[in-house]
Structure formats: structure tokens, C-alpha cells
C-alpha atoms as a PDB file:
ATOM      1  CA  UNK A   1       5.799   4.851   3.027  1.00  0.00           C
ATOM      2  CA  UNK A   2       2.624   3.446   1.591  1.00  0.00           C
ATOM      3  CA  UNK A   3       2.486  -0.310   2.300  1.00  0.00           C
ATOM      4  CA  UNK A   4       0.018  -2.503   0.470  1.00  0.00           C
ATOM      5  CA  UNK A   5      -1.172  -6.037   0.301  1.00  0.00           C
ATOM      6  CA  UNK A   6      -2.046  -7.072  -3.249  1.00  0.00           C
ATOM      7  CA  UNK A   7      -2.498  -9.800  -5.768  1.00  0.00           C
ATOM      8  CA  UNK A   8      -0.494  -9.716  -9.045  1.00  0.00           C
ATOM      9  CA  UNK A   9      -2.981 -10.020 -11.914  1.00  0.00           C
ATOM     10  CA  UNK A  10      -0.527 -11.780 -14.054  1.00  0.00           C
ATOM     11  CA  UNK A  11       0.307 -14.506 -11.423  1.00  0.00           C
ATOM     12  CA  UNK A  12      -2.731 -14.635  -9.130  1.00  0.00           C
ATOM     13  CA  UNK A  13      -1.995 -18.234  -8.153  1.00  0.00           C
ATOM     14  CA  UNK A  14       0.927 -16.949  -6.104  1.00  0.00           C
ATOM     15  CA  UNK A  15      -1.601 -15.355  -3.705  1.00  0.00           C
ATOM     16  CA  UNK A  16      -1.282 -12.218  -1.652  1.00  0.00           C
ATOM     17  CA  UNK A  17       1.884 -10.168  -1.986  1.00  0.00           C
ATOM     18  CA  UNK A  18       3.277  -7.274   0.108  1.00  0.00           C
ATOM     19  CA  UNK A  19       4.592  -4.115  -1.612  1.00  0.00           C
ATOM     20  CA  UNK A  20       5.485  -0.486  -1.261  1.00  0.00           C
ATOM     21  CA  UNK A  21       3.443   1.915  -3.383  1.00  0.00           C
ATOM     22  CA  UNK A  22       5.545   4.530  -5.244  1.00  0.00           C
ATOM     23  CA  UNK A  23       3.417   6.869  -7.325  1.00  0.00           C
ATOM     24  CA  UNK A  24       1.660   4.543  -9.796  1.00  0.00           C
ATOM     25  CA  UNK A  25       3.894   1.516  -9.218  1.00  0.00           C
ATOM     26  CA  UNK A  26       4.211  -1.058  -6.437  1.00  0.00           C
ATOM     27  CA  UNK A  27       7.531  -2.433  -5.421  1.00  0.00           C
ATOM     28  CA  UNK A  28       7.304  -6.133  -4.345  1.00  0.00           C
ATOM     29  CA  UNK A  29       8.940  -6.811  -0.937  1.00  0.00           C
ATOM     30  CA  UNK A  30       7.328 -10.170  -0.242  1.00  0.00           C
ATOM     31  CA  UNK A  31      10.710 -11.908  -0.048  1.00  0.00           C
ATOM     32  CA  UNK A  32      11.536  -9.569   2.934  1.00  0.00           C
ATOM     33  CA  UNK A  33       8.106  -9.374   4.522  1.00  0.00           C
ATOM     34  CA  UNK A  34       5.757 -12.251   3.488  1.00  0.00           C
ATOM     35  CA  UNK A  35       2.735 -10.710   5.113  1.00  0.00           C
ATOM     36  CA  UNK A  36       1.768  -7.253   6.333  1.00  0.00           C
ATOM     37  CA  UNK A  37       1.616  -8.671   9.858  1.00  0.00           C
ATOM     38  CA  UNK A  38       5.258  -9.731   9.546  1.00  0.00           C
ATOM     39  CA  UNK A  39       6.218  -6.322   8.157  1.00  0.00           C
ATOM     40  CA  UNK A  40       4.593  -4.463  11.017  1.00  0.00           C
ATOM     41  CA  UNK A  41       5.970  -6.856  13.643  1.00  0.00           C
ATOM     42  CA  UNK A  42       9.490  -6.287  12.280  1.00  0.00           C
ATOM     43  CA  UNK A  43       9.360  -2.665  13.488  1.00  0.00           C
ATOM     44  CA  UNK A  44      11.943  -0.087  12.429  1.00  0.00           C
ATOM     45  CA  UNK A  45      14.484  -2.677  11.358  1.00  0.00           C
ATOM     46  CA  UNK A  46      12.006  -4.218   8.857  1.00  0.00           C
ATOM     47  CA  UNK A  47      11.147  -0.771   7.483  1.00  0.00           C
ATOM     48  CA  UNK A  48      14.801  -0.087   6.900  1.00  0.00           C
ATOM     49  CA  UNK A  49      15.186  -3.326   4.988  1.00  0.00           C
ATOM     50  CA  UNK A  50      12.089  -2.579   2.925  1.00  0.00           C
ATOM     51  CA  UNK A  51      13.537   0.949   2.106  1.00  0.00           C
ATOM     52  CA  UNK A  52      16.756  -0.594   1.007  1.00  0.00           C
ATOM     53  CA  UNK A  53      14.981  -2.875  -1.455  1.00  0.00           C
ATOM     54  CA  UNK A  54      13.502   0.016  -3.513  1.00  0.00           C
ATOM     55  CA  UNK A  55      16.326  -0.116  -6.146  1.00  0.00           C
ATOM     56  CA  UNK A  56      16.474  -3.796  -6.806  1.00  0.00           C
ATOM     57  CA  UNK A  57      13.093  -5.307  -6.007  1.00  0.00           C
ATOM     58  CA  UNK A  58      10.689  -6.132  -8.840  1.00  0.00           C
ATOM     59  CA  UNK A  59       7.906  -3.627  -9.497  1.00  0.00           C
ATOM     60  CA  UNK A  60       4.677  -3.379 -11.367  1.00  0.00           C
ATOM     61  CA  UNK A  61       2.235  -0.792 -12.414  1.00  0.00           C
ATOM     62  CA  UNK A  62      -0.629  -0.581  -9.961  1.00  0.00           C
ATOM     63  CA  UNK A  63      -3.111  -1.170 -12.783  1.00  0.00           C
ATOM     64  CA  UNK A  64      -1.820  -4.700 -13.134  1.00  0.00           C
ATOM     65  CA  UNK A  65      -2.542  -5.540  -9.543  1.00  0.00           C
ATOM     66  CA  UNK A  66      -5.602  -5.904  -7.212  1.00  0.00           C
ATOM     67  CA  UNK A  67      -5.235  -4.208  -3.901  1.00  0.00           C
ATOM     68  CA  UNK A  68      -6.523  -6.176  -0.909  1.00  0.00           C
ATOM     69  CA  UNK A  69      -7.199  -4.891   2.559  1.00  0.00           C
ATOM     70  CA  UNK A  70      -3.742  -4.252   4.149  1.00  0.00           C
ATOM     71  CA  UNK A  71      -4.541  -7.015   6.634  1.00  0.00           C
ATOM     72  CA  UNK A  72      -6.926  -9.328   4.615  1.00  0.00           C
ATOM     73  CA  UNK A  73      -7.664 -11.197   7.915  1.00  0.00           C
ATOM     74  CA  UNK A  74      -6.431  -9.338  10.956  1.00  0.00           C
ATOM     75  CA  UNK A  75      -4.769 -11.373  13.647  1.00  0.00           C
ATOM     76  CA  UNK A  76      -7.302 -10.262  16.208  1.00  0.00           C
ATOM     77  CA  UNK A  77     -10.637  -8.548  16.421  1.00  0.00           C
ATOM     78  CA  UNK A  78     -10.404  -4.879  15.697  1.00  0.00           C
ATOM     79  CA  UNK A  79     -10.590  -2.434  18.678  1.00  0.00           C
ATOM     80  CA  UNK A  80     -13.074   0.157  17.953  1.00  0.00           C
ATOM     81  CA  UNK A  81     -14.014   3.460  19.590  1.00  0.00           C
ATOM     82  CA  UNK A  82     -17.715   4.409  19.756  1.00  0.00           C
ATOM     83  CA  UNK A  83     -19.085   7.863  20.053  1.00  0.00           C
ATOM     84  CA  UNK A  84     -15.797   9.560  19.698  1.00  0.00           C
ATOM     85  CA  UNK A  85     -16.798  12.595  17.680  1.00  0.00           C
ATOM     86  CA  UNK A  86     -18.728  15.354  19.448  1.00  0.00           C
ATOM     87  CA  UNK A  87     -20.908  15.877  16.441  1.00  0.00           C
ATOM     88  CA  UNK A  88     -21.710  12.203  16.157  1.00  0.00           C
ATOM     89  CA  UNK A  89     -22.921  12.146  19.839  1.00  0.00           C
ATOM     90  CA  UNK A  90     -25.105  15.191  19.050  1.00  0.00           C
ATOM     91  CA  UNK A  91     -26.754  13.535  16.075  1.00  0.00           C
ATOM     92  CA  UNK A  92     -27.341  10.292  18.080  1.00  0.00           C
ATOM     93  CA  UNK A  93     -29.093  12.373  20.702  1.00  0.00           C
ATOM     94  CA  UNK A  94     -31.419  13.934  18.047  1.00  0.00           C
ATOM     95  CA  UNK A  95     -32.562  10.443  17.095  1.00  0.00           C
ATOM     96  CA  UNK A  96     -33.073   9.347  20.655  1.00  0.00           C
ATOM     97  CA  UNK A  97     -30.590   6.498  20.392  1.00  0.00           C
ATOM     98  CA  UNK A  98     -28.294   8.005  23.056  1.00  0.00           C
ATOM     99  CA  UNK A  99     -28.581  10.688  25.717  1.00  0.00           C
ATOM    100  CA  UNK A 100     -26.339  13.219  24.071  1.00  0.00           C
ATOM    101  CA  UNK A 101     -23.977  13.501  27.025  1.00  0.00           C
ATOM    102  CA  UNK A 102     -20.377  13.178  26.040  1.00  0.00           C
ATOM    103  CA  UNK A 103     -18.696  10.052  27.372  1.00  0.00           C
ATOM    104  CA  UNK A 104     -16.301  10.588  30.340  1.00  0.00           C
ATOM    105  CA  UNK A 105     -14.042   7.642  29.178  1.00  0.00           C
ATOM    106  CA  UNK A 106     -13.450   5.950  25.808  1.00  0.00           C
ATOM    107  CA  UNK A 107     -16.220   3.621  24.747  1.00  0.00           C
ATOM    108  CA  UNK A 108     -14.891   0.355  23.302  1.00  0.00           C
ATOM    109  CA  UNK A 109     -16.211  -2.558  21.245  1.00  0.00           C
ATOM    110  CA  UNK A 110     -14.647  -5.029  18.974  1.00  0.00           C
ATOM    111  CA  UNK A 111     -15.451  -6.069  15.405  1.00  0.00           C
ATOM    112  CA  UNK A 112     -14.908  -9.572  13.920  1.00  0.00           C
ATOM    113  CA  UNK A 113     -11.908 -10.068  11.666  1.00  0.00           C
ATOM    114  CA  UNK A 114     -14.220 -11.687   9.000  1.00  0.00           C
ATOM    115  CA  UNK A 115     -15.975  -8.314   8.494  1.00  0.00           C
ATOM    116  CA  UNK A 116     -12.940  -6.903   6.602  1.00  0.00           C
ATOM    117  CA  UNK A 117     -13.011  -6.527   2.790  1.00  0.00           C
ATOM    118  CA  UNK A 118     -10.779  -4.813   0.266  1.00  0.00           C
ATOM    119  CA  UNK A 119     -10.592  -1.132  -0.650  1.00  0.00           C
ATOM    120  CA  UNK A 120     -12.373  -1.631  -4.005  1.00  0.00           C
ATOM    121  CA  UNK A 121     -14.361  -4.821  -3.281  1.00  0.00           C
ATOM    122  CA  UNK A 122     -18.160  -5.097  -3.832  1.00  0.00           C
ATOM    123  CA  UNK A 123     -20.027  -5.190  -0.602  1.00  0.00           C
ATOM    124  CA  UNK A 124     -22.797  -7.654  -0.610  1.00  0.00           C
ATOM    125  CA  UNK A 125     -25.851  -6.856   1.513  1.00  0.00           C
ATOM    126  CA  UNK A 126     -28.492  -9.355   2.441  1.00  0.00           C
ATOM    127  CA  UNK A 127     -31.759  -7.506   2.853  1.00  0.00           C
ATOM    128  CA  UNK A 128     -33.328 -10.559   4.593  1.00  0.00           C
ATOM    129  CA  UNK A 129     -30.808 -10.059   7.286  1.00  0.00           C
ATOM    130  CA  UNK A 130     -30.902  -6.207   7.595  1.00  0.00           C
ATOM    131  CA  UNK A 131     -32.499  -3.354   5.816  1.00  0.00           C
ATOM    132  CA  UNK A 132     -30.424  -0.723   7.497  1.00  0.00           C
ATOM    133  CA  UNK A 133     -26.817  -0.926   6.347  1.00  0.00           C
ATOM    134  CA  UNK A 134     -25.202   2.366   7.357  1.00  0.00           C
ATOM    135  CA  UNK A 135     -21.847   3.977   6.532  1.00  0.00           C
ATOM    136  CA  UNK A 136     -19.237   5.049   9.077  1.00  0.00           C
ATOM    137  CA  UNK A 137     -16.019   6.647   7.710  1.00  0.00           C
ATOM    138  CA  UNK A 138     -13.066   6.249  10.123  1.00  0.00           C
ATOM    139  CA  UNK A 139      -9.344   6.768  10.542  1.00  0.00           C
ATOM    140  CA  UNK A 140      -7.662   3.591  11.707  1.00  0.00           C
ATOM    141  CA  UNK A 141      -4.358   3.256  13.588  1.00  0.00           C
ATOM    142  CA  UNK A 142      -2.060   0.321  13.452  1.00  0.00           C
ATOM    143  CA  UNK A 143      -0.091  -0.702  16.473  1.00  0.00           C
ATOM    144  CA  UNK A 144       3.603  -1.262  15.786  1.00  0.00           C
ATOM    145  CA  UNK A 145       4.999  -2.754  19.029  1.00  0.00           C
ATOM    146  CA  UNK A 146       3.800  -4.461  22.212  1.00  0.00           C
ATOM    147  CA  UNK A 147       2.985  -2.482  25.285  1.00  0.00           C
ATOM    148  CA  UNK A 148       0.911  -2.472  28.427  1.00  0.00           C
ATOM    149  CA  UNK A 149       0.114   0.642  30.706  1.00  0.00           C
ATOM    150  CA  UNK A 150       1.377   2.949  27.888  1.00  0.00           C
ATOM    151  CA  UNK A 151       1.528   6.646  28.951  1.00  0.00           C
ATOM    152  CA  UNK A 152      -0.359   8.958  26.650  1.00  0.00           C
ATOM    153  CA  UNK A 153       2.817  10.941  26.215  1.00  0.00           C
ATOM    154  CA  UNK A 154       4.612   7.945  24.803  1.00  0.00           C
ATOM    155  CA  UNK A 155       1.779   6.494  22.814  1.00  0.00           C
ATOM    156  CA  UNK A 156       3.065   7.926  19.469  1.00  0.00           C
ATOM    157  CA  UNK A 157       5.950   5.486  19.801  1.00  0.00           C
ATOM    158  CA  UNK A 158       3.486   2.570  19.525  1.00  0.00           C
ATOM    159  CA  UNK A 159       1.727   3.566  16.252  1.00  0.00           C
ATOM    160  CA  UNK A 160       3.228   2.044  13.147  1.00  0.00           C
ATOM    161  CA  UNK A 161       0.899   3.461  10.504  1.00  0.00           C
ATOM    162  CA  UNK A 162      -2.655   4.555   9.601  1.00  0.00           C
ATOM    163  CA  UNK A 163      -5.213   3.426   7.091  1.00  0.00           C
ATOM    164  CA  UNK A 164      -8.796   4.230   5.962  1.00  0.00           C
ATOM    165  CA  UNK A 165     -11.733   2.157   7.339  1.00  0.00           C
ATOM    166  CA  UNK A 166     -15.493   2.100   7.015  1.00  0.00           C
ATOM    167  CA  UNK A 167     -17.265   0.546   9.977  1.00  0.00           C
ATOM    168  CA  UNK A 168     -20.350  -0.444   8.048  1.00  0.00           C
ATOM    169  CA  UNK A 169     -23.157  -1.026  10.527  1.00  0.00           C
ATOM    170  CA  UNK A 170     -26.546  -2.844  10.335  1.00  0.00           C
ATOM    171  CA  UNK A 171     -28.468  -0.504  12.508  1.00  0.00           C
ATOM    172  CA  UNK A 172     -31.513  -2.774  13.075  1.00  0.00           C
ATOM    173  CA  UNK A 173     -29.201  -5.579  14.247  1.00  0.00           C
ATOM    174  CA  UNK A 174     -27.266  -3.138  16.398  1.00  0.00           C
ATOM    175  CA  UNK A 175     -30.481  -2.104  18.214  1.00  0.00           C
ATOM    176  CA  UNK A 176     -32.368  -5.388  18.186  1.00  0.00           C
ATOM    177  CA  UNK A 177     -31.763  -5.867  21.962  1.00  0.00           C
ATOM    178  CA  UNK A 178     -34.193  -3.091  22.934  1.00  0.00           C
ATOM    179  CA  UNK A 179     -32.446  -0.816  25.295  1.00  0.00           C
ATOM    180  CA  UNK A 180     -29.127  -2.672  25.084  1.00  0.00           C
ATOM    181  CA  UNK A 181     -27.146  -1.893  21.883  1.00  0.00           C
ATOM    182  CA  UNK A 182     -25.531  -4.989  20.318  1.00  0.00           C
ATOM    183  CA  UNK A 183     -22.609  -3.346  18.630  1.00  0.00           C
ATOM    184  CA  UNK A 184     -20.620  -6.464  17.894  1.00  0.00           C
ATOM    185  CA  UNK A 185     -23.556  -8.134  16.067  1.00  0.00           C
ATOM    186  CA  UNK A 186     -24.464  -5.020  14.104  1.00  0.00           C
ATOM    187  CA  UNK A 187     -20.911  -4.384  12.989  1.00  0.00           C
ATOM    188  CA  UNK A 188     -19.530  -7.860  12.220  1.00  0.00           C
ATOM    189  CA  UNK A 189     -21.315  -8.884   9.053  1.00  0.00           C
ATOM    190  CA  UNK A 190     -18.978 -10.896   6.794  1.00  0.00           C
ATOM    191  CA  UNK A 191     -16.920  -8.804   4.264  1.00  0.00           C
ATOM    192  CA  UNK A 192     -18.902  -5.659   4.907  1.00  0.00           C
ATOM    193  CA  UNK A 193     -16.190  -3.199   6.088  1.00  0.00           C
ATOM    194  CA  UNK A 194     -13.559  -2.000   3.566  1.00  0.00           C
ATOM    195  CA  UNK A 195     -10.051  -1.172   4.676  1.00  0.00           C
ATOM    196  CA  UNK A 196      -7.091   0.372   2.826  1.00  0.00           C
ATOM    197  CA  UNK A 197      -6.111   1.151   0.192  1.00  0.00           C
ATOM    198  CA  UNK A 198      -2.782   0.891   1.966  1.00  0.00           C
ATOM    199  CA  UNK A 199      -1.020   1.813   5.235  1.00  0.00           C
ATOM    200  CA  UNK A 200       0.796   5.161   5.535  1.00  0.00           C
ATOM    201  CA  UNK A 201       3.658   4.922   8.042  1.00  0.00           C
ATOM    202  CA  UNK A 202       3.420   7.249  11.015  1.00  0.00           C
ATOM    203  CA  UNK A 203       6.573   9.095  10.105  1.00  0.00           C
ATOM    204  CA  UNK A 204       4.819  10.392   6.939  1.00  0.00           C
ATOM    205  CA  UNK A 205       1.268  10.760   8.277  1.00  0.00           C
ATOM    206  CA  UNK A 206       1.896  12.516  11.681  1.00  0.00           C
ATOM    207  CA  UNK A 207       3.039  15.743   9.984  1.00  0.00           C
ATOM    208  CA  UNK A 208       0.193  17.789  11.366  1.00  0.00           C
ATOM    209  CA  UNK A 209      -2.407  17.149  14.077  1.00  0.00           C
ATOM    210  CA  UNK A 210      -5.751  16.997  12.222  1.00  0.00           C
ATOM    211  CA  UNK A 211      -7.114  15.307   9.130  1.00  0.00           C
ATOM    212  CA  UNK A 212     -10.368  15.424   7.189  1.00  0.00           C
ATOM    213  CA  UNK A 213     -12.569  12.267   7.254  1.00  0.00           C
ATOM    214  CA  UNK A 214     -15.344  11.922   4.782  1.00  0.00           C
ATOM    215  CA  UNK A 215     -17.802   9.598   3.147  1.00  0.00           C
ATOM    216  CA  UNK A 216     -19.679  10.017  -0.201  1.00  0.00           C
ATOM    217  CA  UNK A 217     -22.540   7.889  -1.432  1.00  0.00           C
ATOM    218  CA  UNK A 218     -23.193   8.086  -5.146  1.00  0.00           C
ATOM    219  CA  UNK A 219     -21.014  11.155  -5.298  1.00  0.00           C
ATOM    220  CA  UNK A 220     -22.988  13.073  -2.580  1.00  0.00           C
ATOM    221  CA  UNK A 221     -21.099  13.976   0.518  1.00  0.00           C
ATOM    222  CA  UNK A 222     -22.694  12.387   3.567  1.00  0.00           C
ATOM    223  CA  UNK A 223     -19.921  12.719   6.135  1.00  0.00           C
ATOM    224  CA  UNK A 224     -17.293  15.457   6.233  1.00  0.00           C
ATOM    225  CA  UNK A 225     -15.463  16.305   9.482  1.00  0.00           C
ATOM    226  CA  UNK A 226     -12.064  16.524  11.025  1.00  0.00           C
ATOM    227  CA  UNK A 227     -10.163  14.523  13.625  1.00  0.00           C
ATOM    228  CA  UNK A 228     -10.002  17.676  15.668  1.00  0.00           C
ATOM    229  CA  UNK A 229     -13.507  16.728  16.662  1.00  0.00           C
ATOM    230  CA  UNK A 230     -12.205  13.686  18.583  1.00  0.00           C
ATOM    231  CA  UNK A 231     -13.462  13.493  22.106  1.00  0.00           C
ATOM    232  CA  UNK A 232     -10.454  11.193  22.967  1.00  0.00           C
ATOM    233  CA  UNK A 233      -7.453  11.511  20.754  1.00  0.00           C
ATOM    234  CA  UNK A 234      -5.351   8.490  19.773  1.00  0.00           C
ATOM    235  CA  UNK A 235      -2.763   8.825  22.449  1.00  0.00           C
ATOM    236  CA  UNK A 236      -5.545   8.908  25.114  1.00  0.00           C
ATOM    237  CA  UNK A 237      -7.221   5.936  23.535  1.00  0.00           C
ATOM    238  CA  UNK A 238      -4.025   3.904  23.501  1.00  0.00           C
ATOM    239  CA  UNK A 239      -3.240   4.798  27.086  1.00  0.00           C
ATOM    240  CA  UNK A 240      -6.829   3.731  28.148  1.00  0.00           C
ATOM    241  CA  UNK A 241      -7.044   0.422  26.414  1.00  0.00           C
ATOM    242  CA  UNK A 242      -3.477  -0.642  27.284  1.00  0.00           C
ATOM    243  CA  UNK A 243      -4.421  -0.433  30.995  1.00  0.00           C
ATOM    244  CA  UNK A 244      -6.861  -3.290  30.192  1.00  0.00           C
ATOM    245  CA  UNK A 245      -4.932  -5.427  27.784  1.00  0.00           C
ATOM    246  CA  UNK A 246      -1.545  -5.762  26.082  1.00  0.00           C
ATOM    247  CA  UNK A 247      -1.412  -4.127  22.662  1.00  0.00           C
ATOM    248  CA  UNK A 248       0.515  -6.110  20.085  1.00  0.00           C
ATOM    249  CA  UNK A 249       1.991  -5.427  16.666  1.00  0.00           C
ATOM    250  CA  UNK A 250      -0.762  -5.406  14.070  1.00  0.00           C
ATOM    251  CA  UNK A 251      -3.590  -4.631  16.469  1.00  0.00           C
ATOM    252  CA  UNK A 252      -6.017  -2.206  14.703  1.00  0.00           C
ATOM    253  CA  UNK A 253      -7.758   0.683  16.384  1.00  0.00           C
ATOM    254  CA  UNK A 254     -10.731   2.330  14.594  1.00  0.00           C
ATOM    255  CA  UNK A 255     -11.049   5.814  16.002  1.00  0.00           C
ATOM    256  CA  UNK A 256     -14.748   6.401  15.569  1.00  0.00           C
ATOM    257  CA  UNK A 257     -16.988   8.123  12.945  1.00  0.00           C
ATOM    258  CA  UNK A 258     -18.203  11.688  12.645  1.00  0.00           C
ATOM    259  CA  UNK A 259     -21.701  13.036  12.048  1.00  0.00           C
ATOM    260  CA  UNK A 260     -23.574  12.300   8.875  1.00  0.00           C
ATOM    261  CA  UNK A 261     -24.476   8.636   9.309  1.00  0.00           C
ATOM    262  CA  UNK A 262     -27.501   7.480   7.492  1.00  0.00           C
ATOM    263  CA  UNK A 263     -29.600   6.639  10.606  1.00  0.00           C
ATOM    264  CA  UNK A 264     -29.425  10.294  11.741  1.00  0.00           C
ATOM    265  CA  UNK A 265     -30.797  11.709   8.511  1.00  0.00           C
ATOM    266  CA  UNK A 266     -34.340  12.832   8.407  1.00  0.00           C
ATOM    267  CA  UNK A 267     -35.696  10.568   7.107  1.00  0.00           C
ATOM    268  CA  UNK A 268     -33.101   7.926   7.647  1.00  0.00           C
ATOM    269  CA  UNK A 269     -31.126   6.727   4.626  1.00  0.00           C
ATOM    270  CA  UNK A 270     -29.321   3.473   4.274  1.00  0.00           C
ATOM    271  CA  UNK A 271     -27.164   1.737   1.642  1.00  0.00           C
ATOM    272  CA  UNK A 272     -28.925  -0.049  -1.216  1.00  0.00           C
ATOM    273  CA  UNK A 273     -27.853  -2.223  -4.085  1.00  0.00           C
ATOM    274  CA  UNK A 274     -26.318  -0.165  -6.920  1.00  0.00           C
ATOM    275  CA  UNK A 275     -24.969   2.511  -4.446  1.00  0.00           C
ATOM    276  CA  UNK A 276     -21.298   3.443  -4.599  1.00  0.00           C
ATOM    277  CA  UNK A 277     -19.677   4.383  -1.268  1.00  0.00           C
ATOM    278  CA  UNK A 278     -16.442   6.275  -1.173  1.00  0.00           C
ATOM    279  CA  UNK A 279     -14.500   6.709   2.099  1.00  0.00           C
ATOM    280  CA  UNK A 280     -11.586   9.038   2.335  1.00  0.00           C
ATOM    281  CA  UNK A 281      -9.018  10.177   4.921  1.00  0.00           C
ATOM    282  CA  UNK A 282      -6.930  13.149   3.970  1.00  0.00           C
ATOM    283  CA  UNK A 283      -3.336  12.176   3.603  1.00  0.00           C
ATOM    284  CA  UNK A 284      -4.001   8.470   3.140  1.00  0.00           C
ATOM    285  CA  UNK A 285      -6.474   7.720   0.277  1.00  0.00           C
ATOM    286  CA  UNK A 286      -9.909   6.744  -0.785  1.00  0.00           C
ATOM    287  CA  UNK A 287     -11.854   3.509  -0.710  1.00  0.00           C
ATOM    288  CA  UNK A 288     -14.508   2.902  -3.411  1.00  0.00           C
ATOM    289  CA  UNK A 289     -17.003   0.092  -2.886  1.00  0.00           C
ATOM    290  CA  UNK A 290     -20.099  -0.793  -4.867  1.00  0.00           C
ATOM    291  CA  UNK A 291     -23.109  -2.167  -2.954  1.00  0.00           C
ATOM    292  CA  UNK A 292     -24.619  -5.356  -4.442  1.00  0.00           C
ATOM    293  CA  UNK A 293     -27.284  -7.856  -3.663  1.00  0.00           C
ATOM    294  CA  UNK A 294     -26.121 -10.796  -1.525  1.00  0.00           C
ATOM    295  CA  UNK A 295     -27.097 -13.314  -4.170  1.00  0.00           C
ATOM    296  CA  UNK A 296     -24.874 -11.735  -6.802  1.00  0.00           C
ATOM    297  CA  UNK A 297     -21.771 -11.802  -4.702  1.00  0.00           C
ATOM    298  CA  UNK A 298     -19.072 -14.418  -4.961  1.00  0.00           C
ATOM    299  CA  UNK A 299     -18.615 -16.293  -1.724  1.00  0.00           C
ATOM    300  CA  UNK A 300     -15.798 -18.551  -0.815  1.00  0.00           C
END
């Protein structure tokens, strides 16, 4: 199933709704699952109830809705893997940012919940804050049930679904500490990182082992790789982080970005106002976000 959070354009005052995307329509299941967090936390029983609602629940054409991030404000900071593609480690070494040696254990950081924006939202960049906004296309996994000390062999049981994510990063902020990278600061700018356009449940997505991950800027391919390039696959990552903390339903795991990031280009290239960034994961969908000046963005 494809599960989305959306606003109905005809009744926007009702606020975010939850629905199932079927072709070019969305079936409203908000009466069953008022939020995406509730839908995920409900597990297999909730998915069965949602499937049963297909025939009777109200539906609309997607063109009459506005898709939000599946989790407009995640319950907790996102768990993110750094340096998880062999090719990305290699390009980092060419720039002198890292040594080039492959990590021997997963490298973790977190990203603020306020950095999330919708799959088609404008991304406002403040050039007085940073001049180096960079793209990072990623596959994101959604945890479906609680667990601690999860064995890698059982980790698939804990994945509810997957989505597309772009871990937009301000490189100058990330490296402002000299020799000590400040990933949290560089990656947590408000409303900078799109997610969506929906979740694809694991029973549909896990049909083969590897998927293409790509990013285009103004129609030009900047990143194009495959999850077969993972240094640590998702089961290994889940096993590793669950030794440290209890994973809970709705936890989000960003699995790292491949080569082709802007800072590694010669010369470096970064996002500018007017650019259009498209982020795609095969089997899920595509995000499309326009880059705008901070002063032209609508802020709450």
C-alpha cells in the first residue's frame, strides 16, 4: 500500500488527513487512523482495517489534494546513517573531508524533526546563514514495532514501510567546527529536507534486494546509484542501533546518500534560488522541490 498524509483542497480547515493512494485517487482513512503515527503504531491489525475500508471510504482525485510529508512532524529526531555508500566515502576522500577508509561500524547522527518539509514544498534557503546548501538523496525506512537488541536476521519484521528523503545539508555549517564535523547543525535547518510523497509498505517494497536512488537538479542527474552500494544494509543498521536504544513505531531511519553530492564536484556546486531538485527512489516515487529565497517563503 501507498500511505499518504494530505490536505483536502476543498476543505483545508479540517487539517491533515490520512489516506491510501490508489492510482490517481486517494482513499480517506482518517476515521480509522487519525495520523500516520497512529496508522504505523497500529501494526498489521491497523493495515487490515485500512484495506477493508477501500470499498466504502470516501475518495478524491489526487489533483484535489496537497500531499504533506508522511510524518509532517516526526515524533522523534530522525536516525541517520552517514558514510554508508562506498562511492560516497570515496568522493569524500577526494575532497579531503574524510580519510577514505570505510567505516567499520555504522556512523550515526540525528536530524531535527523541524527540518522536514513536504514532497512538493518550496525549500527556502537563507544565504546569510549558509552559501553551501547541498543535496543528499536517500531511502528512508520506517520502524513498525518496538524492539531492543534486534537480531539482523529478524530486522525485516520491524520495518513497516519505506519513503523517499533528501537530507539537505549546509556544508559550511557542517564543517564550521574545524576538524570536528557538526552534522546535526548542518543538517537541521528548518523545513529544508523533503520527505514522501508517501510510504510504501514493506510487503510491497521488499520484492527484490536493491533499488536505484537518484537526484536531479534542473533536470540534470547529480546522483544515481543503487542500494547494493550500502556498506551496512538496513538489517545490520537496525541491529546496531537497537543495541543502543529501543526502536519504537514511527522511528525514521535515513540510510545514507550515494556519490554525486555538490561539495564533491570540481568545482563544488550548491543549490541556488530558482533551482528545482528532484529526488527519486525506484519503487516509491519522486519528490520535486523548488529552491527559493528565504525572504519569499511563507513562515508560520
